[in-house]
C-alpha atoms as a PDB file:
ATOM      1  CA  MET A   1      -3.635  -1.440 -16.034  1.00  0.00           C
ATOM      2  CA  SER A   2      -3.729  -2.077 -12.415  1.00  0.00           C
ATOM      3  CA  PRO A   3      -4.591   0.720  -9.845  1.00  0.00           C
ATOM      4  CA  ALA A   4      -1.061   0.700  -8.312  1.00  0.00           C
ATOM      5  CA  THR A   5       0.356   1.384 -11.742  1.00  0.00           C
ATOM      6  CA  MET A   6      -2.509   3.987 -13.225  1.00  0.00           C
ATOM      7  CA  PRO A   7      -0.974   7.538 -14.441  1.00  0.00           C
ATOM      8  CA  LEU A   8      -1.958  10.511 -12.382  1.00  0.00           C
ATOM      9  CA  PRO A   9      -4.721  13.052 -13.557  1.00  0.00           C
ATOM     10  CA  PRO A  10      -3.647  16.275 -13.306  1.00  0.00           C
ATOM     11  CA  PRO A  11      -4.615  18.506 -10.394  1.00  0.00           C
ATOM     12  CA  PRO A  12      -7.064  20.983 -10.348  1.00  0.00           C
ATOM     13  CA  PRO A  13      -6.322  24.338 -11.149  1.00  0.00           C
ATOM     14  CA  ASN A  14      -5.017  27.097  -8.320  1.00  0.00           C
ATOM     15  CA  THR A  15      -4.312  24.263  -6.011  1.00  0.00           C
ATOM     16  CA  ASN A  16      -1.795  24.119  -3.190  1.00  0.00           C
ATOM     17  CA  MET A  17      -0.702  20.970  -3.966  1.00  0.00           C
ATOM     18  CA  PHE A  18       2.410  19.104  -4.482  1.00  0.00           C
ATOM     19  CA  LEU A  19       3.734  15.965  -6.475  1.00  0.00           C
ATOM     20  CA  THR A  20       6.588  13.726  -5.303  1.00  0.00           C
ATOM     21  CA  PRO A  21       8.219  10.455  -5.745  1.00  0.00           C
ATOM     22  CA  TYR A  22       9.026   8.381  -2.723  1.00  0.00           C
ATOM     23  CA  LYS A  23      11.085   5.543  -2.772  1.00  0.00           C
ATOM     24  CA  ARG A  24       9.469   3.525  -1.200  1.00  0.00           C
ATOM     25  CA  PRO A  25      11.005   1.783   2.147  1.00  0.00           C
ATOM     26  CA  ALA A  26      11.585  -1.031   3.415  1.00  0.00           C
ATOM     27  CA  HIS A  27       9.054  -0.895   6.516  1.00  0.00           C
ATOM     28  CA  LEU A  28       6.024  -0.230   4.062  1.00  0.00           C
ATOM     29  CA  PRO A  29       5.119  -3.511   2.054  1.00  0.00           C
ATOM     30  CA  LYS A  30       4.622  -3.362  -1.915  1.00  0.00           C
ATOM     31  CA  PRO A  31       1.484  -2.761  -2.937  1.00  0.00           C
ATOM     32  CA  LYS A  32      -0.325  -5.676  -4.149  1.00  0.00           C
ATOM     33  CA  PRO A  33      -2.749  -4.658  -7.844  1.00  0.00           C
ATOM     34  CA  ASP A  34      -6.051  -4.875  -5.381  1.00  0.00           C
ATOM     35  CA  VAL A  35      -4.364  -2.889  -2.534  1.00  0.00           C
ATOM     36  CA  ASP A  36      -6.126   0.816  -2.325  1.00  0.00           C
ATOM     37  CA  LEU A  37      -3.655   2.605  -1.632  1.00  0.00           C
ATOM     38  CA  LEU A  38      -5.436   6.067  -1.399  1.00  0.00           C
ATOM     39  CA  ASP A  39      -6.861   3.223   1.983  1.00  0.00           C
ATOM     40  CA  MET A  40      -3.101   2.238   3.164  1.00  0.00           C
ATOM     41  CA  MET A  41      -2.189   6.039   3.386  1.00  0.00           C
ATOM     42  CA  ARG A  42      -5.252   7.296   5.803  1.00  0.00           C
ATOM     43  CA  HIS A  43      -4.651   4.198   7.751  1.00  0.00           C
ATOM     44  CA  HIS A  44      -0.726   5.262   8.129  1.00  0.00           C
ATOM     45  CA  GLY A  45      -2.258   9.146   9.261  1.00  0.00           C
ATOM     46  CA  VAL A  46      -2.238  11.049   5.446  1.00  0.00           C
ATOM     47  CA  ASP A  47      -5.026  12.491   4.697  1.00  0.00           C
ATOM     48  CA  PHE A  48      -6.265  13.116   0.771  1.00  0.00           C
ATOM     49  CA  PRO A  49      -8.414  16.610   0.730  1.00  0.00           C
ATOM     50  CA  LYS A  50     -10.089  17.181  -3.183  1.00  0.00           C
ATOM     51  CA  GLY A  51      -7.266  17.268  -5.816  1.00  0.00           C
ATOM     52  CA  ALA A  52      -4.828  14.800  -3.626  1.00  0.00           C
ATOM     53  CA  SER A  53      -3.831  11.427  -5.322  1.00  0.00           C
ATOM     54  CA  VAL A  54      -1.257   8.268  -4.817  1.00  0.00           C
ATOM     55  CA  SER A  55      -0.269   6.217  -7.201  1.00  0.00           C
ATOM     56  CA  TYR A  56       2.446   2.795  -7.281  1.00  0.00           C
ATOM     57  CA  ASN A  57       5.137   2.764  -9.784  1.00  0.00           C
ATOM     58  CA  VAL A  58       6.282  -0.790  -9.883  1.00  0.00           C
ATOM     59  CA  ASP A  59       9.066  -0.587 -12.311  1.00  0.00           C
ATOM     60  CA  SER A  60      10.585   2.238  -9.979  1.00  0.00           C
ATOM     61  CA  ASP A  61       9.688   1.372  -6.824  1.00  0.00           C
ATOM     62  CA  GLN A  62       8.045   4.425  -5.896  1.00  0.00           C
ATOM     63  CA  TYR A  63       4.835   5.771  -4.649  1.00  0.00           C
ATOM     64  CA  VAL A  64       3.922   9.275  -6.170  1.00  0.00           C
ATOM     65  CA  ILE A  65       2.279  11.590  -3.681  1.00  0.00           C
ATOM     66  CA  ARG A  66      -0.077  14.436  -4.973  1.00  0.00           C
ATOM     67  CA  ASN A  67      -1.028  16.503  -2.051  1.00  0.00           C
ATOM     68  CA  THR A  68      -0.755  19.664   0.175  1.00  0.00           C
ATOM     69  CA  LYS A  69       2.434  21.013   2.087  1.00  0.00           C
ATOM     70  CA  GLU A  70       0.492  19.792   5.660  1.00  0.00           C
ATOM     71  CA  GLN A  71      -0.225  15.819   4.498  1.00  0.00           C
ATOM     72  CA  MET A  72       3.034  15.891   2.463  1.00  0.00           C
ATOM     73  CA  LYS A  73       5.292  16.438   5.928  1.00  0.00           C
ATOM     74  CA  ARG A  74       2.897  13.498   7.448  1.00  0.00           C
ATOM     75  CA  MET A  75       3.884  11.741   4.041  1.00  0.00           C
ATOM     76  CA  ASP A  76       7.521  12.302   5.419  1.00  0.00           C
ATOM     77  CA  ALA A  77       7.022  11.503   8.715  1.00  0.00           C
ATOM     78  CA  VAL A  78       5.419   7.640   7.464  1.00  0.00           C
ATOM     79  CA  ILE A  79       8.299   6.950   4.728  1.00  0.00           C
ATOM     80  CA  ASP A  80      10.865   7.924   7.408  1.00  0.00           C
ATOM     81  CA  GLY A  81       8.685   5.240   9.561  1.00  0.00           C
ATOM     82  CA  GLN A  82       7.897   8.002  12.274  1.00  0.00           C
ATOM     83  CA  GLY A  83       4.084   7.840  11.274  1.00  0.00           C
ATOM     84  CA  SER A  84       1.123   6.153  12.675  1.00  0.00           C
ATOM     85  CA  PHE A  85       1.392   2.232  12.495  1.00  0.00           C
END
């Protein structure tokens, strides 16, 4: 199983993590199996504190992000094409 299709681990207990699927927009490249999604998202300005994660579902062409509310807002900006590129 490639890193882009691995299932997400459960969130740490008592955290403020949110799990959200995002349809991959055209301006974000389709991840390759050897791409580290955390590094790719960090490059776009999204931080991943302890317990946060990102995966890519090839079948649905979706990113699945687990992160804090603040970082989800940054992810929204990246998805909307307003994040740093």
